[in-house]
mmCIF file of all heavy atoms, coordinates in Angstrom:
data_MODEL
# 
_entry.id   MODEL 
# 
loop_
_atom_site.group_PDB 
_atom_site.id 
_atom_site.type_symbol 
_atom_site.label_atom_id 
_atom_site.label_alt_id 
_atom_site.label_comp_id 
_atom_site.label_asym_id 
_atom_site.label_entity_id 
_atom_site.label_seq_id 
_atom_site.pdbx_PDB_ins_code 
_atom_site.Cartn_x 
_atom_site.Cartn_y 
_atom_site.Cartn_z 
_atom_site.occupancy 
_atom_site.B_iso_or_equiv 
_atom_site.pdbx_formal_charge 
_atom_site.auth_seq_id 
_atom_site.auth_comp_id 
_atom_site.auth_asym_id 
_atom_site.auth_atom_id 
_atom_site.pdbx_PDB_model_num 
ATOM 1   N N   . LEU A 1 1  ? 21.907 1.871  -2.835  1.00 0.00 ? 1  LEU A N   1 
ATOM 2   C CA  . LEU A 1 1  ? 21.435 1.060  -1.700  1.00 0.00 ? 1  LEU A CA  1 
ATOM 3   C C   . LEU A 1 1  ? 20.533 -0.062 -2.158  1.00 0.00 ? 1  LEU A C   1 
ATOM 4   O O   . LEU A 1 1  ? 20.524 -1.144 -1.594  1.00 0.00 ? 1  LEU A O   1 
ATOM 5   C CB  . LEU A 1 1  ? 20.691 1.943  -0.694  1.00 0.00 ? 1  LEU A CB  1 
ATOM 6   C CG  . LEU A 1 1  ? 21.472 3.106  -0.106  1.00 0.00 ? 1  LEU A CG  1 
ATOM 7   C CD1 . LEU A 1 1  ? 20.564 3.944  0.790   1.00 0.00 ? 1  LEU A CD1 1 
ATOM 8   C CD2 . LEU A 1 1  ? 22.686 2.604  0.668   1.00 0.00 ? 1  LEU A CD2 1 
ATOM 9   N N   . GLU A 1 2  ? 19.739 0.228  -3.197  1.00 0.00 ? 2  GLU A N   1 
ATOM 10  C CA  . GLU A 1 2  ? 18.788 -0.746 -3.725  1.00 0.00 ? 2  GLU A CA  1 
ATOM 11  C C   . GLU A 1 2  ? 18.545 -0.416 -5.194  1.00 0.00 ? 2  GLU A C   1 
ATOM 12  O O   . GLU A 1 2  ? 18.519 0.750  -5.578  1.00 0.00 ? 2  GLU A O   1 
ATOM 13  C CB  . GLU A 1 2  ? 17.472 -0.665 -2.962  1.00 0.00 ? 2  GLU A CB  1 
ATOM 14  C CG  . GLU A 1 2  ? 16.425 -1.667 -3.392  1.00 0.00 ? 2  GLU A CG  1 
ATOM 15  C CD  . GLU A 1 2  ? 15.143 -1.559 -2.598  1.00 0.00 ? 2  GLU A CD  1 
ATOM 16  O OE1 . GLU A 1 2  ? 15.167 -1.057 -1.457  1.00 0.00 ? 2  GLU A OE1 1 
ATOM 17  O OE2 . GLU A 1 2  ? 14.099 -1.972 -3.134  1.00 0.00 ? 2  GLU A OE2 1 
ATOM 18  N N   . GLY A 1 3  ? 18.367 -1.428 -6.019  1.00 0.00 ? 3  GLY A N   1 
ATOM 19  C CA  . GLY A 1 3  ? 18.122 -1.209 -7.445  1.00 0.00 ? 3  GLY A CA  1 
ATOM 20  C C   . GLY A 1 3  ? 19.416 -1.087 -8.211  1.00 0.00 ? 3  GLY A C   1 
ATOM 21  O O   . GLY A 1 3  ? 20.457 -1.589 -7.789  1.00 0.00 ? 3  GLY A O   1 
ATOM 22  N N   . VAL A 1 4  ? 19.343 -0.391 -9.362  1.00 0.00 ? 4  VAL A N   1 
ATOM 23  C CA  . VAL A 1 4  ? 20.496 -0.238 -10.236 1.00 0.00 ? 4  VAL A CA  1 
ATOM 24  C C   . VAL A 1 4  ? 20.619 1.221  -10.665 1.00 0.00 ? 4  VAL A C   1 
ATOM 25  O O   . VAL A 1 4  ? 19.638 1.843  -11.074 1.00 0.00 ? 4  VAL A O   1 
ATOM 26  C CB  . VAL A 1 4  ? 20.374 -1.139 -11.491 1.00 0.00 ? 4  VAL A CB  1 
ATOM 27  C CG1 . VAL A 1 4  ? 21.572 -0.934 -12.415 1.00 0.00 ? 4  VAL A CG1 1 
ATOM 28  C CG2 . VAL A 1 4  ? 20.272 -2.608 -11.089 1.00 0.00 ? 4  VAL A CG2 1 
ATOM 29  N N   . LEU A 1 5  ? 21.819 1.742  -10.562 1.00 0.00 ? 5  LEU A N   1 
ATOM 30  C CA  . LEU A 1 5  ? 22.151 3.081  -11.026 1.00 0.00 ? 5  LEU A CA  1 
ATOM 31  C C   . LEU A 1 5  ? 23.068 2.932  -12.229 1.00 0.00 ? 5  LEU A C   1 
ATOM 32  O O   . LEU A 1 5  ? 24.029 2.173  -12.178 1.00 0.00 ? 5  LEU A O   1 
ATOM 33  C CB  . LEU A 1 5  ? 22.853 3.881  -9.936  1.00 0.00 ? 5  LEU A CB  1 
ATOM 34  C CG  . LEU A 1 5  ? 23.389 5.237  -10.369 1.00 0.00 ? 5  LEU A CG  1 
ATOM 35  C CD1 . LEU A 1 5  ? 22.242 6.230  -10.541 1.00 0.00 ? 5  LEU A CD1 1 
ATOM 36  C CD2 . LEU A 1 5  ? 24.399 5.769  -9.362  1.00 0.00 ? 5  LEU A CD2 1 
ATOM 37  N N   . HIS A 1 6  ? 22.772 3.653  -13.311 1.00 0.00 ? 6  HIS A N   1 
ATOM 38  C CA  . HIS A 1 6  ? 23.602 3.639  -14.502 1.00 0.00 ? 6  HIS A CA  1 
ATOM 39  C C   . HIS A 1 6  ? 24.336 4.970  -14.613 1.00 0.00 ? 6  HIS A C   1 
ATOM 40  O O   . HIS A 1 6  ? 23.759 6.028  -14.367 1.00 0.00 ? 6  HIS A O   1 
ATOM 41  C CB  . HIS A 1 6  ? 22.752 3.427  -15.758 1.00 0.00 ? 6  HIS A CB  1 
ATOM 42  C CG  . HIS A 1 6  ? 21.996 2.145  -15.740 1.00 0.00 ? 6  HIS A CG  1 
ATOM 43  N ND1 . HIS A 1 6  ? 22.601 0.926  -15.931 1.00 0.00 ? 6  HIS A ND1 1 
ATOM 44  C CD2 . HIS A 1 6  ? 20.690 1.893  -15.537 1.00 0.00 ? 6  HIS A CD2 1 
ATOM 45  C CE1 . HIS A 1 6  ? 21.678 -0.023 -15.843 1.00 0.00 ? 6  HIS A CE1 1 
ATOM 46  N NE2 . HIS A 1 6  ? 20.508 0.539  -15.606 1.00 0.00 ? 6  HIS A NE2 1 
ATOM 47  N N   . VAL A 1 7  ? 25.613 4.908  -14.992 1.00 0.00 ? 7  VAL A N   1 
ATOM 48  C CA  . VAL A 1 7  ? 26.425 6.106  -15.178 1.00 0.00 ? 7  VAL A CA  1 
ATOM 49  C C   . VAL A 1 7  ? 27.132 6.005  -16.520 1.00 0.00 ? 7  VAL A C   1 
ATOM 50  O O   . VAL A 1 7  ? 27.754 4.970  -16.831 1.00 0.00 ? 7  VAL A O   1 
ATOM 51  C CB  . VAL A 1 7  ? 27.479 6.267  -14.049 1.00 0.00 ? 7  VAL A CB  1 
ATOM 52  C CG1 . VAL A 1 7  ? 28.411 7.425  -14.357 1.00 0.00 ? 7  VAL A CG1 1 
ATOM 53  C CG2 . VAL A 1 7  ? 26.812 6.445  -12.701 1.00 0.00 ? 7  VAL A CG2 1 
ATOM 54  N N   . GLU A 1 8  ? 27.028 7.070  -17.296 1.00 0.00 ? 8  GLU A N   1 
ATOM 55  C CA  . GLU A 1 8  ? 27.734 7.159  -18.572 1.00 0.00 ? 8  GLU A CA  1 
ATOM 56  C C   . GLU A 1 8  ? 28.692 8.351  -18.484 1.00 0.00 ? 8  GLU A C   1 
ATOM 57  O O   . GLU A 1 8  ? 28.296 9.453  -18.079 1.00 0.00 ? 8  GLU A O   1 
ATOM 58  C CB  . GLU A 1 8  ? 26.759 7.371  -19.718 1.00 0.00 ? 8  GLU A CB  1 
ATOM 59  C CG  . GLU A 1 8  ? 25.790 6.218  -19.894 1.00 0.00 ? 8  GLU A CG  1 
ATOM 60  C CD  . GLU A 1 8  ? 24.741 6.484  -20.958 1.00 0.00 ? 8  GLU A CD  1 
ATOM 61  O OE1 . GLU A 1 8  ? 25.064 7.188  -21.945 1.00 0.00 ? 8  GLU A OE1 1 
ATOM 62  O OE2 . GLU A 1 8  ? 23.607 6.019  -20.780 1.00 0.00 ? 8  GLU A OE2 1 
ATOM 63  N N   . GLN A 1 9  ? 29.948 8.112  -18.846 1.00 0.00 ? 9  GLN A N   1 
ATOM 64  C CA  . GLN A 1 9  ? 30.953 9.160  -18.862 1.00 0.00 ? 9  GLN A CA  1 
ATOM 65  C C   . GLN A 1 9  ? 32.190 8.645  -19.596 1.00 0.00 ? 9  GLN A C   1 
ATOM 66  O O   . GLN A 1 9  ? 32.548 7.468  -19.475 1.00 0.00 ? 9  GLN A O   1 
ATOM 67  C CB  . GLN A 1 9  ? 31.350 9.571  -17.429 1.00 0.00 ? 9  GLN A CB  1 
ATOM 68  C CG  . GLN A 1 9  ? 32.314 10.737 -17.420 1.00 0.00 ? 9  GLN A CG  1 
ATOM 69  C CD  . GLN A 1 9  ? 32.670 11.204 -16.010 1.00 0.00 ? 9  GLN A CD  1 
ATOM 70  O OE1 . GLN A 1 9  ? 32.858 10.397 -15.113 1.00 0.00 ? 9  GLN A OE1 1 
ATOM 71  N NE2 . GLN A 1 9  ? 32.772 12.507 -15.840 1.00 0.00 ? 9  GLN A NE2 1 
ATOM 72  N N   . SER A 1 10 ? 32.824 9.539  -20.314 1.00 0.00 ? 10 SER A N   1 
ATOM 73  C CA  . SER A 1 10 ? 34.096 9.244  -20.993 1.00 0.00 ? 10 SER A CA  1 
ATOM 74  C C   . SER A 1 10 ? 34.026 7.983  -21.852 1.00 0.00 ? 10 SER A C   1 
ATOM 75  O O   . SER A 1 10 ? 34.969 7.194  -21.895 1.00 0.00 ? 10 SER A O   1 
ATOM 76  C CB  . SER A 1 10 ? 35.232 9.106  -19.976 1.00 0.00 ? 10 SER A CB  1 
ATOM 77  O OG  . SER A 1 10 ? 35.324 10.261 -19.186 1.00 0.00 ? 10 SER A OG  1 
ATOM 78  N N   . GLY A 1 11 ? 32.902 7.759  -22.508 1.00 0.00 ? 11 GLY A N   1 
ATOM 79  C CA  . GLY A 1 11 ? 32.758 6.586  -23.370 1.00 0.00 ? 11 GLY A CA  1 
ATOM 80  C C   . GLY A 1 11 ? 32.492 5.304  -22.625 1.00 0.00 ? 11 GLY A C   1 
ATOM 81  O O   . GLY A 1 11 ? 32.422 4.231  -23.229 1.00 0.00 ? 11 GLY A O   1 
ATOM 82  N N   . SER A 1 12 ? 32.360 5.376  -21.300 1.00 0.00 ? 12 SER A N   1 
ATOM 83  C CA  . SER A 1 12 ? 32.079 4.196  -20.494 1.00 0.00 ? 12 SER A CA  1 
ATOM 84  C C   . SER A 1 12 ? 30.649 4.235  -19.984 1.00 0.00 ? 12 SER A C   1 
ATOM 85  O O   . SER A 1 12 ? 30.102 5.297  -19.741 1.00 0.00 ? 12 SER A O   1 
ATOM 86  C CB  . SER A 1 12 ? 32.995 4.148  -19.267 1.00 0.00 ? 12 SER A CB  1 
ATOM 87  O OG  . SER A 1 12 ? 34.331 4.009  -19.624 1.00 0.00 ? 12 SER A OG  1 
ATOM 88  N N   . LYS A 1 13 ? 30.081 3.043  -19.811 1.00 0.00 ? 13 LYS A N   1 
ATOM 89  C CA  . LYS A 1 13 ? 28.785 2.933  -19.168 1.00 0.00 ? 13 LYS A CA  1 
ATOM 90  C C   . LYS A 1 13 ? 28.928 1.898  -18.063 1.00 0.00 ? 13 LYS A C   1 
ATOM 91  O O   . LYS A 1 13 ? 29.253 0.745  -18.316 1.00 0.00 ? 13 LYS A O   1 
ATOM 92  C CB  . LYS A 1 13 ? 27.690 2.508  -20.152 1.00 0.00 ? 13 LYS A CB  1 
ATOM 93  C CG  . LYS A 1 13 ? 26.326 2.429  -19.487 1.00 0.00 ? 13 LYS A CG  1 
ATOM 94  C CD  . LYS A 1 13 ? 25.228 2.083  -20.483 1.00 0.00 ? 13 LYS A CD  1 
ATOM 95  C CE  . LYS A 1 13 ? 23.891 1.989  -19.746 1.00 0.00 ? 13 LYS A CE  1 
ATOM 96  N NZ  . LYS A 1 13 ? 22.794 1.630  -20.633 1.00 0.00 ? 13 LYS A NZ  1 
ATOM 97  N N   . LEU A 1 14 ? 28.719 2.356  -16.831 1.00 0.00 ? 14 LEU A N   1 
ATOM 98  C CA  . LEU A 1 14 ? 28.815 1.479  -15.673 1.00 0.00 ? 14 LEU A CA  1 
ATOM 99  C C   . LEU A 1 14 ? 27.459 1.350  -15.015 1.00 0.00 ? 14 LEU A C   1 
ATOM 100 O O   . LEU A 1 14 ? 26.649 2.276  -15.048 1.00 0.00 ? 14 LEU A O   1 
ATOM 101 C CB  . LEU A 1 14 ? 29.805 2.033  -14.649 1.00 0.00 ? 14 LEU A CB  1 
ATOM 102 C CG  . LEU A 1 14 ? 31.259 2.217  -15.097 1.00 0.00 ? 14 LEU A CG  1 
ATOM 103 C CD1 . LEU A 1 14 ? 32.068 2.863  -13.976 1.00 0.00 ? 14 LEU A CD1 1 
ATOM 104 C CD2 . LEU A 1 14 ? 31.865 0.883  -15.493 1.00 0.00 ? 14 LEU A CD2 1 
ATOM 105 N N   . SER A 1 15 ? 27.225 0.216  -14.380 1.00 0.00 ? 15 SER A N   1 
ATOM 106 C CA  . SER A 1 15 ? 26.000 0.007  -13.618 1.00 0.00 ? 15 SER A CA  1 
ATOM 107 C C   . SER A 1 15 ? 26.391 -0.421 -12.218 1.00 0.00 ? 15 SER A C   1 
ATOM 108 O O   . SER A 1 15 ? 27.232 -1.288 -12.036 1.00 0.00 ? 15 SER A O   1 
ATOM 109 C CB  . SER A 1 15 ? 25.145 -1.086 -14.265 1.00 0.00 ? 15 SER A CB  1 
ATOM 110 O OG  . SER A 1 15 ? 24.756 -0.679 -15.564 1.00 0.00 ? 15 SER A OG  1 
ATOM 111 N N   . ALA A 1 16 ? 25.763 0.219  -11.231 1.00 0.00 ? 16 ALA A N   1 
ATOM 112 C CA  . ALA A 1 16 ? 26.047 -0.085 -9.826  1.00 0.00 ? 16 ALA A CA  1 
ATOM 113 C C   . ALA A 1 16 ? 24.793 -0.647 -9.175  1.00 0.00 ? 16 ALA A C   1 
ATOM 114 O O   . ALA A 1 16 ? 23.758 0.023  -9.132  1.00 0.00 ? 16 ALA A O   1 
ATOM 115 C CB  . ALA A 1 16 ? 26.509 1.172  -9.086  1.00 0.00 ? 16 ALA A CB  1 
ATOM 116 N N   . GLY A 1 17 ? 24.906 -1.871 -8.679  1.00 0.00 ? 17 GLY A N   1 
ATOM 117 C CA  . GLY A 1 17 ? 23.813 -2.491 -7.946  1.00 0.00 ? 17 GLY A CA  1 
ATOM 118 C C   . GLY A 1 17 ? 23.923 -2.177 -6.478  1.00 0.00 ? 17 GLY A C   1 
ATOM 119 O O   . GLY A 1 17 ? 24.793 -1.415 -6.046  1.00 0.00 ? 17 GLY A O   1 
ATOM 120 N N   . ALA A 1 18 ? 23.077 -2.786 -5.678  1.00 0.00 ? 18 ALA A N   1 
ATOM 121 C CA  . ALA A 1 18 ? 23.044 -2.563 -4.240  1.00 0.00 ? 18 ALA A CA  1 
ATOM 122 C C   . ALA A 1 18 ? 24.436 -2.790 -3.626  1.00 0.00 ? 18 ALA A C   1 
ATOM 123 O O   . ALA A 1 18 ? 25.089 -3.796 -3.901  1.00 0.00 ? 18 ALA A O   1 
ATOM 124 C CB  . ALA A 1 18 ? 22.023 -3.474 -3.585  1.00 0.00 ? 18 ALA A CB  1 
ATOM 125 N N   . GLY A 1 19 ? 24.888 -1.824 -2.838  1.00 0.00 ? 19 GLY A N   1 
ATOM 126 C CA  . GLY A 1 19 ? 26.193 -1.917 -2.181  1.00 0.00 ? 19 GLY A CA  1 
ATOM 127 C C   . GLY A 1 19 ? 27.351 -1.461 -3.017  1.00 0.00 ? 19 GLY A C   1 
ATOM 128 O O   . GLY A 1 19 ? 28.491 -1.458 -2.562  1.00 0.00 ? 19 GLY A O   1 
ATOM 129 N N   . GLU A 1 20 ? 27.098 -1.073 -4.253  1.00 0.00 ? 20 GLU A N   1 
ATOM 130 C CA  . GLU A 1 20 ? 28.162 -0.590 -5.139  1.00 0.00 ? 20 GLU A CA  1 
ATOM 131 C C   . GLU A 1 20 ? 28.028 0.921  -5.348  1.00 0.00 ? 20 GLU A C   1 
ATOM 132 O O   . GLU A 1 20 ? 26.943 1.474  -5.244  1.00 0.00 ? 20 GLU A O   1 
ATOM 133 C CB  . GLU A 1 20 ? 28.078 -1.282 -6.500  1.00 0.00 ? 20 GLU A CB  1 
ATOM 134 C CG  . GLU A 1 20 ? 28.344 -2.756 -6.421  1.00 0.00 ? 20 GLU A CG  1 
ATOM 135 C CD  . GLU A 1 20 ? 28.238 -3.437 -7.777  1.00 0.00 ? 20 GLU A CD  1 
ATOM 136 O OE1 . GLU A 1 20 ? 27.308 -3.119 -8.531  1.00 0.00 ? 20 GLU A OE1 1 
ATOM 137 O OE2 . GLU A 1 20 ? 29.098 -4.298 -8.053  1.00 0.00 ? 20 GLU A OE2 1 
ATOM 138 N N   . GLY A 1 21 ? 29.167 1.527  -5.627  1.00 0.00 ? 21 GLY A N   1 
ATOM 139 C CA  . GLY A 1 21 ? 29.167 2.961  -5.862  1.00 0.00 ? 21 GLY A CA  1 
ATOM 140 C C   . GLY A 1 21 ? 29.976 3.314  -7.089  1.00 0.00 ? 21 GLY A C   1 
ATOM 141 O O   . GLY A 1 21 ? 30.708 2.472  -7.630  1.00 0.00 ? 21 GLY A O   1 
ATOM 142 N N   . ILE A 1 22 ? 29.822 4.559  -7.498  1.00 0.00 ? 22 ILE A N   1 
ATOM 143 C CA  . ILE A 1 22 ? 30.563 5.057  -8.648  1.00 0.00 ? 22 ILE A CA  1 
ATOM 144 C C   . ILE A 1 22 ? 31.071 6.456  -8.300  1.00 0.00 ? 22 ILE A C   1 
ATOM 145 O O   . ILE A 1 22 ? 30.321 7.285  -7.791  1.00 0.00 ? 22 ILE A O   1 
ATOM 146 C CB  . ILE A 1 22 ? 29.702 5.091  -9.916  1.00 0.00 ? 22 ILE A CB  1 
ATOM 147 C CG1 . ILE A 1 22 ? 29.233 3.669  -10.275 1.00 0.00 ? 22 ILE A CG1 1 
ATOM 148 C CG2 . ILE A 1 22 ? 30.478 5.715  -11.093 1.00 0.00 ? 22 ILE A CG2 1 
ATOM 149 C CD1 . ILE A 1 22 ? 28.315 3.570  -11.479 1.00 0.00 ? 22 ILE A CD1 1 
ATOM 150 N N   . LEU A 1 23 ? 32.346 6.686  -8.585  1.00 0.00 ? 23 LEU A N   1 
ATOM 151 C CA  . LEU A 1 23 ? 32.960 8.003  -8.434  1.00 0.00 ? 23 LEU A CA  1 
ATOM 152 C C   . LEU A 1 23 ? 33.034 8.635  -9.807  1.00 0.00 ? 23 LEU A C   1 
ATOM 153 O O   . LEU A 1 23 ? 33.559 8.028  -10.747 1.00 0.00 ? 23 LEU A O   1 
ATOM 154 C CB  . LEU A 1 23 ? 34.382 7.865  -7.844  1.00 0.00 ? 23 LEU A CB  1 
ATOM 155 C CG  . LEU A 1 23 ? 35.225 9.128  -7.758  1.00 0.00 ? 23 LEU A CG  1 
ATOM 156 C CD1 . LEU A 1 23 ? 34.571 10.194 -6.889  1.00 0.00 ? 23 LEU A CD1 1 
ATOM 157 C CD2 . LEU A 1 23 ? 36.615 8.771  -7.218  1.00 0.00 ? 23 LEU A CD2 1 
ATOM 158 N N   . VAL A 1 24 ? 32.464 9.839  -9.916  1.00 0.00 ? 24 VAL A N   1 
ATOM 159 C CA  . VAL A 1 24 ? 32.347 10.547 -11.188 1.00 0.00 ? 24 VAL A CA  1 
ATOM 160 C C   . VAL A 1 24 ? 33.161 11.842 -11.140 1.00 0.00 ? 24 VAL A C   1 
ATOM 161 O O   . VAL A 1 24 ? 33.104 12.559 -10.140 1.00 0.00 ? 24 VAL A O   1 
ATOM 162 C CB  . VAL A 1 24 ? 30.872 10.881 -11.482 1.00 0.00 ? 24 VAL A CB  1 
ATOM 163 C CG1 . VAL A 1 24 ? 30.721 11.723 -12.727 1.00 0.00 ? 24 VAL A CG1 1 
ATOM 164 C CG2 . VAL A 1 24 ? 30.050 9.610  -11.588 1.00 0.00 ? 24 VAL A CG2 1 
ATOM 165 N N   . ASP A 1 25 ? 33.897 12.147 -12.192 1.00 0.00 ? 25 ASP A N   1 
ATOM 166 C CA  . ASP A 1 25 ? 34.539 13.446 -12.358 1.00 0.00 ? 25 ASP A CA  1 
ATOM 167 C C   . ASP A 1 25 ? 33.544 14.326 -13.104 1.00 0.00 ? 25 ASP A C   1 
ATOM 168 O O   . ASP A 1 25 ? 33.418 14.236 -14.327 1.00 0.00 ? 25 ASP A O   1 
ATOM 169 C CB  . ASP A 1 25 ? 35.835 13.330 -13.143 1.00 0.00 ? 25 ASP A CB  1 
ATOM 170 C CG  . ASP A 1 25 ? 36.521 14.660 -13.364 1.00 0.00 ? 25 ASP A CG  1 
ATOM 171 O OD1 . ASP A 1 25 ? 35.962 15.722 -12.976 1.00 0.00 ? 25 ASP A OD1 1 
ATOM 172 O OD2 . ASP A 1 25 ? 37.630 14.660 -13.927 1.00 0.00 ? 25 ASP A OD2 1 
ATOM 173 N N   . ALA A 1 26 ? 32.836 15.157 -12.372 1.00 0.00 ? 26 ALA A N   1 
ATOM 174 C CA  . ALA A 1 26 ? 31.753 15.953 -12.979 1.00 0.00 ? 26 ALA A CA  1 
ATOM 175 C C   . ALA A 1 26 ? 32.265 17.129 -13.797 1.00 0.00 ? 26 ALA A C   1 
ATOM 176 O O   . ALA A 1 26 ? 31.474 17.862 -14.392 1.00 0.00 ? 26 ALA A O   1 
ATOM 177 C CB  . ALA A 1 26 ? 30.799 16.443 -11.893 1.00 0.00 ? 26 ALA A CB  1 
ATOM 178 N N   . HIS A 1 27 ? 33.592 17.310 -13.871 1.00 0.00 ? 27 HIS A N   1 
ATOM 179 C CA  . HIS A 1 27 ? 34.162 18.362 -14.717 1.00 0.00 ? 27 HIS A CA  1 
ATOM 180 C C   . HIS A 1 27 ? 33.981 18.029 -16.191 1.00 0.00 ? 27 HIS A C   1 
ATOM 181 O O   . HIS A 1 27 ? 34.144 18.880 -17.053 1.00 0.00 ? 27 HIS A O   1 
ATOM 182 C CB  . HIS A 1 27 ? 35.642 18.559 -14.397 1.00 0.00 ? 27 HIS A CB  1 
ATOM 183 C CG  . HIS A 1 27 ? 35.866 19.009 -12.985 1.00 0.00 ? 27 HIS A CG  1 
ATOM 184 N ND1 . HIS A 1 27 ? 36.096 18.119 -11.969 1.00 0.00 ? 27 HIS A ND1 1 
ATOM 185 C CD2 . HIS A 1 27 ? 35.875 20.242 -12.445 1.00 0.00 ? 27 HIS A CD2 1 
ATOM 186 C CE1 . HIS A 1 27 ? 36.257 18.798 -10.841 1.00 0.00 ? 27 HIS A CE1 1 
ATOM 187 N NE2 . HIS A 1 27 ? 36.118 20.080 -11.101 1.00 0.00 ? 27 HIS A NE2 1 
# 
């Protein structure tokens, strides 16, 4: 909603800013 969220998985690093989302396979 605000700020930046970082996600690392499967050799990728994504950053989601306000209004963006990330779908993660937590398996």
